[in-house]
Amino acid sequence: MCGIIGYIGQRAATPILIDGLRRLEYRGYDSAGVAVLSEHGEIEVRKREGKLNNLLALLESAEPSHGTLGVGHTRWATHGGPSDDNAHPHADCDGRIVVVHNGIIENYQTLRQQ
């Protein structure tokens, strides 16, 4: 199980995503993360193993993002243990595509080979 939130609008996305993740934390407390499209067109991914407070601590120490589009995720680890690597959002190798999902991608090895 997990919690997923997205935002597109005129306001800074990060505070809105964090508020949504607070409301969804009961759906997953093994890790939390956000990805925000910066005003410079780069996707900024921040994620941490553990409760939402761990992500909040990371965000407080990082340069704030002012992007107005983003996604957030809380994870309940059902496949793969809790870790920063397993936390969502997941980015492609170029950092141009970011995904969050609920459940297990059964054919992940086939997709990885392609």
N, C-alpha and C. Protein backbone atom coordinates (compact mmCIF):
# COMPACT_ATOMS: atom_id res chain seq x y z
N MET A 1 0.85 -1.16 0.00
CA MET A 1 0.00 0.00 0.00
C MET A 1 0.89 1.23 0.00
N CYS A 2 0.38 2.33 -0.52
CA CYS A 2 1.14 3.57 -0.56
C CYS A 2 0.18 4.73 -0.67
N GLY A 3 0.73 5.93 -0.58
CA GLY A 3 -0.04 7.14 -0.82
C GLY A 3 0.62 7.91 -1.95
N ILE A 4 -0.18 8.39 -2.88
CA ILE A 4 0.33 9.13 -4.04
C ILE A 4 -0.42 10.44 -4.16
N ILE A 5 0.32 11.52 -4.40
CA ILE A 5 -0.29 12.83 -4.61
C ILE A 5 0.44 13.53 -5.75
N GLY A 6 -0.29 14.31 -6.50
CA GLY A 6 0.30 15.13 -7.56
C GLY A 6 -0.25 16.53 -7.50
N TYR A 7 0.51 17.48 -8.01
CA TYR A 7 0.06 18.87 -8.04
C TYR A 7 0.59 19.56 -9.29
N ILE A 8 -0.30 20.31 -9.94
CA ILE A 8 0.06 21.22 -11.02
C ILE A 8 -0.71 22.50 -10.74
N GLY A 9 -0.02 23.61 -10.65
CA GLY A 9 -0.73 24.86 -10.36
C GLY A 9 0.20 26.05 -10.41
N GLN A 10 -0.21 27.12 -9.74
CA GLN A 10 0.54 28.37 -9.73
C GLN A 10 1.42 28.52 -8.50
N ARG A 11 1.14 27.76 -7.45
CA ARG A 11 1.88 27.88 -6.20
C ARG A 11 3.05 26.90 -6.17
N ALA A 12 3.97 27.12 -5.24
CA ALA A 12 5.10 26.20 -5.06
C ALA A 12 4.55 24.81 -4.72
N ALA A 13 5.01 23.80 -5.44
CA ALA A 13 4.45 22.45 -5.30
C ALA A 13 4.87 21.76 -4.00
N THR A 14 6.10 21.96 -3.55
CA THR A 14 6.60 21.18 -2.42
C THR A 14 5.74 21.28 -1.17
N PRO A 15 5.36 22.48 -0.70
CA PRO A 15 4.52 22.53 0.50
C PRO A 15 3.17 21.84 0.32
N ILE A 16 2.61 21.92 -0.86
CA ILE A 16 1.33 21.27 -1.13
C ILE A 16 1.50 19.76 -1.12
N LEU A 17 2.57 19.27 -1.74
CA LEU A 17 2.83 17.83 -1.74
C LEU A 17 3.07 17.32 -0.32
N ILE A 18 3.83 18.05 0.47
CA ILE A 18 4.10 17.64 1.85
C ILE A 18 2.81 17.60 2.66
N ASP A 19 1.95 18.59 2.49
CA ASP A 19 0.66 18.57 3.19
C ASP A 19 -0.14 17.33 2.81
N GLY A 20 -0.15 17.01 1.52
CA GLY A 20 -0.85 15.81 1.07
C GLY A 20 -0.23 14.54 1.63
N LEU A 21 1.09 14.48 1.68
CA LEU A 21 1.76 13.30 2.22
C LEU A 21 1.48 13.14 3.71
N ARG A 22 1.35 14.25 4.43
CA ARG A 22 0.97 14.16 5.85
C ARG A 22 -0.38 13.46 5.99
N ARG A 23 -1.30 13.81 5.12
CA ARG A 23 -2.64 13.23 5.16
C ARG A 23 -2.64 11.76 4.72
N LEU A 24 -1.63 11.38 3.94
CA LEU A 24 -1.56 10.01 3.41
C LEU A 24 -0.54 9.13 4.12
N GLU A 25 0.13 9.66 5.13
CA GLU A 25 1.22 8.91 5.74
C GLU A 25 0.76 7.57 6.31
N TYR A 26 -0.47 7.47 6.76
CA TYR A 26 -0.97 6.20 7.29
C TYR A 26 -0.98 5.11 6.23
N ARG A 27 -0.90 5.48 4.96
CA ARG A 27 -0.89 4.50 3.86
C ARG A 27 0.51 3.97 3.57
N GLY A 28 1.50 4.54 4.21
CA GLY A 28 2.87 4.07 4.02
C GLY A 28 3.82 4.88 4.86
N TYR A 29 4.54 4.22 5.73
CA TYR A 29 5.45 4.94 6.62
C TYR A 29 6.87 4.38 6.56
N ASP A 30 7.18 3.59 5.53
CA ASP A 30 8.53 3.05 5.38
C ASP A 30 9.46 4.00 4.62
N SER A 31 8.89 4.89 3.81
CA SER A 31 9.69 5.91 3.12
C SER A 31 8.75 6.95 2.53
N ALA A 32 9.34 8.08 2.16
CA ALA A 32 8.56 9.16 1.55
C ALA A 32 9.46 9.93 0.60
N GLY A 33 8.84 10.51 -0.43
CA GLY A 33 9.62 11.28 -1.38
C GLY A 33 8.78 12.21 -2.22
N VAL A 34 9.44 13.19 -2.81
CA VAL A 34 8.79 14.13 -3.73
C VAL A 34 9.71 14.35 -4.93
N ALA A 35 9.10 14.67 -6.05
CA ALA A 35 9.83 15.10 -7.25
C ALA A 35 9.12 16.35 -7.76
N VAL A 36 9.89 17.40 -7.98
CA VAL A 36 9.33 18.68 -8.42
C VAL A 36 10.10 19.15 -9.65
N LEU A 37 9.35 19.60 -10.65
CA LEU A 37 9.96 20.18 -11.84
C LEU A 37 10.36 21.61 -11.51
N SER A 38 11.66 21.89 -11.53
CA SER A 38 12.15 23.21 -11.13
C SER A 38 11.80 24.26 -12.18
N GLU A 39 11.96 25.50 -11.79
CA GLU A 39 11.72 26.60 -12.73
C GLU A 39 12.73 26.60 -13.87
N HIS A 40 13.80 25.82 -13.73
CA HIS A 40 14.83 25.70 -14.77
C HIS A 40 14.62 24.47 -15.65
N GLY A 41 13.53 23.74 -15.42
CA GLY A 41 13.21 22.58 -16.24
C GLY A 41 13.86 21.28 -15.81
N GLU A 42 14.49 21.26 -14.64
CA GLU A 42 15.11 20.04 -14.12
C GLU A 42 14.20 19.41 -13.07
N ILE A 43 14.18 18.08 -13.04
CA ILE A 43 13.39 17.37 -12.03
C ILE A 43 14.26 17.17 -10.80
N GLU A 44 13.78 17.68 -9.68
CA GLU A 44 14.49 17.56 -8.41
C GLU A 44 13.80 16.49 -7.58
N VAL A 45 14.51 15.39 -7.31
CA VAL A 45 13.96 14.27 -6.53
C VAL A 45 14.58 14.30 -5.14
N ARG A 46 13.74 14.24 -4.14
CA ARG A 46 14.18 14.14 -2.74
C ARG A 46 13.39 13.01 -2.11
N LYS A 47 14.08 12.05 -1.49
CA LYS A 47 13.39 10.92 -0.88
C LYS A 47 14.22 10.37 0.26
N ARG A 48 13.53 9.77 1.24
CA ARG A 48 14.20 9.21 2.40
C ARG A 48 13.46 8.00 2.93
N GLU A 49 14.25 7.03 3.38
CA GLU A 49 13.71 5.89 4.12
C GLU A 49 13.14 6.41 5.44
N GLY A 50 12.11 5.74 5.91
CA GLY A 50 11.53 6.08 7.21
C GLY A 50 10.33 6.99 7.08
N LYS A 51 9.93 7.52 8.19
CA LYS A 51 8.72 8.34 8.24
C LYS A 51 8.92 9.67 7.53
N LEU A 52 7.82 10.34 7.31
CA LEU A 52 7.81 11.61 6.59
C LEU A 52 8.76 12.63 7.23
N ASN A 53 8.93 12.58 8.53
CA ASN A 53 9.83 13.53 9.19
C ASN A 53 11.26 13.43 8.66
N ASN A 54 11.68 12.25 8.23
CA ASN A 54 13.02 12.11 7.63
C ASN A 54 13.13 12.90 6.34
N LEU A 55 12.08 12.85 5.53
CA LEU A 55 12.05 13.64 4.30
C LEU A 55 12.02 15.13 4.62
N LEU A 56 11.25 15.51 5.62
CA LEU A 56 11.17 16.92 6.00
C LEU A 56 12.54 17.45 6.42
N ALA A 57 13.30 16.65 7.16
CA ALA A 57 14.65 17.06 7.57
C ALA A 57 15.54 17.26 6.34
N LEU A 58 15.44 16.37 5.36
CA LEU A 58 16.22 16.52 4.13
C LEU A 58 15.83 17.80 3.40
N LEU A 59 14.53 18.05 3.29
CA LEU A 59 14.06 19.24 2.58
C LEU A 59 14.51 20.52 3.26
N GLU A 60 14.56 20.51 4.58
CA GLU A 60 14.99 21.70 5.32
C GLU A 60 16.47 22.00 5.08
N SER A 61 17.27 20.97 4.81
CA SER A 61 18.70 21.18 4.60
C SER A 61 19.06 21.41 3.13
N ALA A 62 18.10 21.23 2.23
CA ALA A 62 18.36 21.37 0.79
C ALA A 62 17.91 22.74 0.29
N GLU A 63 18.40 23.10 -0.86
CA GLU A 63 17.96 24.33 -1.52
C GLU A 63 16.47 24.18 -1.83
N PRO A 64 15.64 25.15 -1.46
CA PRO A 64 14.20 25.01 -1.72
C PRO A 64 13.88 25.02 -3.21
N SER A 65 12.89 24.24 -3.58
CA SER A 65 12.43 24.19 -4.96
C SER A 65 11.20 25.09 -5.08
N HIS A 66 11.16 25.88 -6.15
CA HIS A 66 10.03 26.77 -6.36
C HIS A 66 9.16 26.30 -7.53
N GLY A 67 9.38 25.07 -7.98
CA GLY A 67 8.60 24.53 -9.08
C GLY A 67 7.13 24.41 -8.72
N THR A 68 6.28 24.45 -9.73
CA THR A 68 4.83 24.43 -9.51
C THR A 68 4.17 23.15 -10.03
N LEU A 69 4.98 22.11 -10.22
CA LEU A 69 4.48 20.82 -10.69
C LEU A 69 5.27 19.73 -9.98
N GLY A 70 4.57 18.73 -9.43
CA GLY A 70 5.31 17.67 -8.76
C GLY A 70 4.44 16.50 -8.35
N VAL A 71 5.11 15.45 -7.88
CA VAL A 71 4.44 14.26 -7.34
C VAL A 71 5.09 13.91 -6.01
N GLY A 72 4.30 13.26 -5.16
CA GLY A 72 4.79 12.79 -3.88
C GLY A 72 4.32 11.38 -3.61
N HIS A 73 5.02 10.68 -2.72
CA HIS A 73 4.72 9.26 -2.48
C HIS A 73 5.12 8.88 -1.06
N THR A 74 4.27 8.11 -0.40
CA THR A 74 4.64 7.42 0.83
C THR A 74 4.58 5.94 0.54
N ARG A 75 5.52 5.18 1.09
CA ARG A 75 5.64 3.75 0.74
C ARG A 75 5.50 2.87 1.96
N TRP A 76 4.73 1.83 1.78
CA TRP A 76 4.67 0.72 2.73
C TRP A 76 5.38 -0.43 2.02
N ALA A 77 6.54 -0.83 2.51
CA ALA A 77 7.38 -1.81 1.82
C ALA A 77 6.75 -3.19 1.82
N THR A 78 6.31 -3.62 0.64
CA THR A 78 5.76 -4.97 0.48
C THR A 78 6.70 -5.84 -0.36
N HIS A 79 7.55 -5.24 -1.15
CA HIS A 79 8.48 -5.95 -2.03
C HIS A 79 9.76 -5.12 -2.05
N GLY A 80 10.81 -5.66 -1.49
CA GLY A 80 12.03 -4.87 -1.32
C GLY A 80 11.95 -4.12 -0.01
N GLY A 81 12.99 -4.17 0.76
CA GLY A 81 12.99 -3.56 2.08
C GLY A 81 12.99 -2.04 2.04
N PRO A 82 12.70 -1.43 3.18
CA PRO A 82 12.78 0.03 3.26
C PRO A 82 14.22 0.51 3.05
N SER A 83 14.41 1.43 2.14
CA SER A 83 15.73 2.02 1.89
C SER A 83 15.54 3.28 1.07
N ASP A 84 16.57 4.12 1.03
CA ASP A 84 16.51 5.31 0.18
C ASP A 84 16.38 4.90 -1.29
N ASP A 85 17.07 3.83 -1.69
CA ASP A 85 17.00 3.39 -3.09
C ASP A 85 15.60 2.92 -3.47
N ASN A 86 14.93 2.22 -2.57
CA ASN A 86 13.59 1.71 -2.87
C ASN A 86 12.50 2.76 -2.70
N ALA A 87 12.83 3.88 -2.07
CA ALA A 87 11.85 4.95 -1.89
C ALA A 87 11.48 5.54 -3.25
N HIS A 88 10.27 6.01 -3.36
CA HIS A 88 9.79 6.68 -4.57
C HIS A 88 9.92 8.18 -4.36
N PRO A 89 9.94 8.95 -5.40
CA PRO A 89 9.86 8.67 -6.82
C PRO A 89 11.14 8.03 -7.36
N HIS A 90 10.94 7.28 -8.45
CA HIS A 90 12.05 6.68 -9.17
C HIS A 90 12.26 7.46 -10.47
N ALA A 91 13.52 7.74 -10.78
CA ALA A 91 13.86 8.48 -12.00
C ALA A 91 14.58 7.57 -12.97
N ASP A 92 14.45 7.89 -14.26
CA ASP A 92 15.22 7.16 -15.27
C ASP A 92 16.68 7.57 -15.17
N CYS A 93 17.55 6.91 -15.93
CA CYS A 93 18.99 7.15 -15.81
C CYS A 93 19.39 8.56 -16.22
N ASP A 94 18.57 9.25 -16.99
CA ASP A 94 18.87 10.62 -17.40
C ASP A 94 18.21 11.66 -16.51
N GLY A 95 17.35 11.21 -15.59
CA GLY A 95 16.64 12.15 -14.73
C GLY A 95 15.58 12.96 -15.45
N ARG A 96 15.10 12.44 -16.58
CA ARG A 96 14.10 13.15 -17.37
C ARG A 96 12.68 12.63 -17.15
N ILE A 97 12.57 11.42 -16.60
CA ILE A 97 11.26 10.81 -16.35
C ILE A 97 11.25 10.35 -14.90
N VAL A 98 10.16 10.62 -14.21
CA VAL A 98 10.00 10.22 -12.81
C VAL A 98 8.66 9.53 -12.67
N VAL A 99 8.64 8.42 -11.92
CA VAL A 99 7.40 7.69 -11.69
C VAL A 99 7.23 7.38 -10.20
N VAL A 100 5.97 7.27 -9.82
CA VAL A 100 5.58 6.68 -8.54
C VAL A 100 4.50 5.66 -8.89
N HIS A 101 4.40 4.62 -8.10
CA HIS A 101 3.37 3.62 -8.38
C HIS A 101 2.97 2.91 -7.11
N ASN A 102 1.86 2.21 -7.19
CA ASN A 102 1.36 1.40 -6.10
C ASN A 102 1.41 -0.05 -6.55
N GLY A 103 1.98 -0.91 -5.75
CA GLY A 103 2.02 -2.32 -6.08
C GLY A 103 3.37 -2.75 -6.61
N ILE A 104 3.39 -3.94 -7.15
CA ILE A 104 4.62 -4.56 -7.64
C ILE A 104 4.57 -4.62 -9.16
N ILE A 105 5.64 -4.22 -9.81
CA ILE A 105 5.75 -4.36 -11.26
C ILE A 105 6.34 -5.73 -11.51
N GLU A 106 5.48 -6.68 -11.82
CA GLU A 106 5.88 -8.09 -11.92
C GLU A 106 6.91 -8.35 -13.01
N ASN A 107 6.86 -7.61 -14.11
CA ASN A 107 7.78 -7.86 -15.23
C ASN A 107 8.95 -6.87 -15.24
N TYR A 108 9.38 -6.43 -14.05
CA TYR A 108 10.42 -5.41 -13.99
C TYR A 108 11.73 -5.88 -14.62
N GLN A 109 12.06 -7.18 -14.53
CA GLN A 109 13.32 -7.64 -15.12
C GLN A 109 13.27 -7.58 -16.64
N THR A 110 12.14 -7.92 -17.23
CA THR A 110 11.98 -7.82 -18.68
C THR A 110 12.09 -6.37 -19.11
N LEU A 111 11.42 -5.49 -18.38
CA LEU A 111 11.49 -4.06 -18.71
C LEU A 111 12.91 -3.53 -18.59
N ARG A 112 13.62 -3.96 -17.57
CA ARG A 112 15.00 -3.51 -17.37
C ARG A 112 15.88 -3.93 -18.54
N GLN A 113 15.69 -5.16 -19.06
CA GLN A 113 16.49 -5.65 -20.17
C GLN A 113 16.22 -4.87 -21.45
N GLN A 114 15.00 -4.42 -21.62
CA GLN A 114 14.64 -3.67 -22.83
C GLN A 114 15.24 -2.29 -22.77
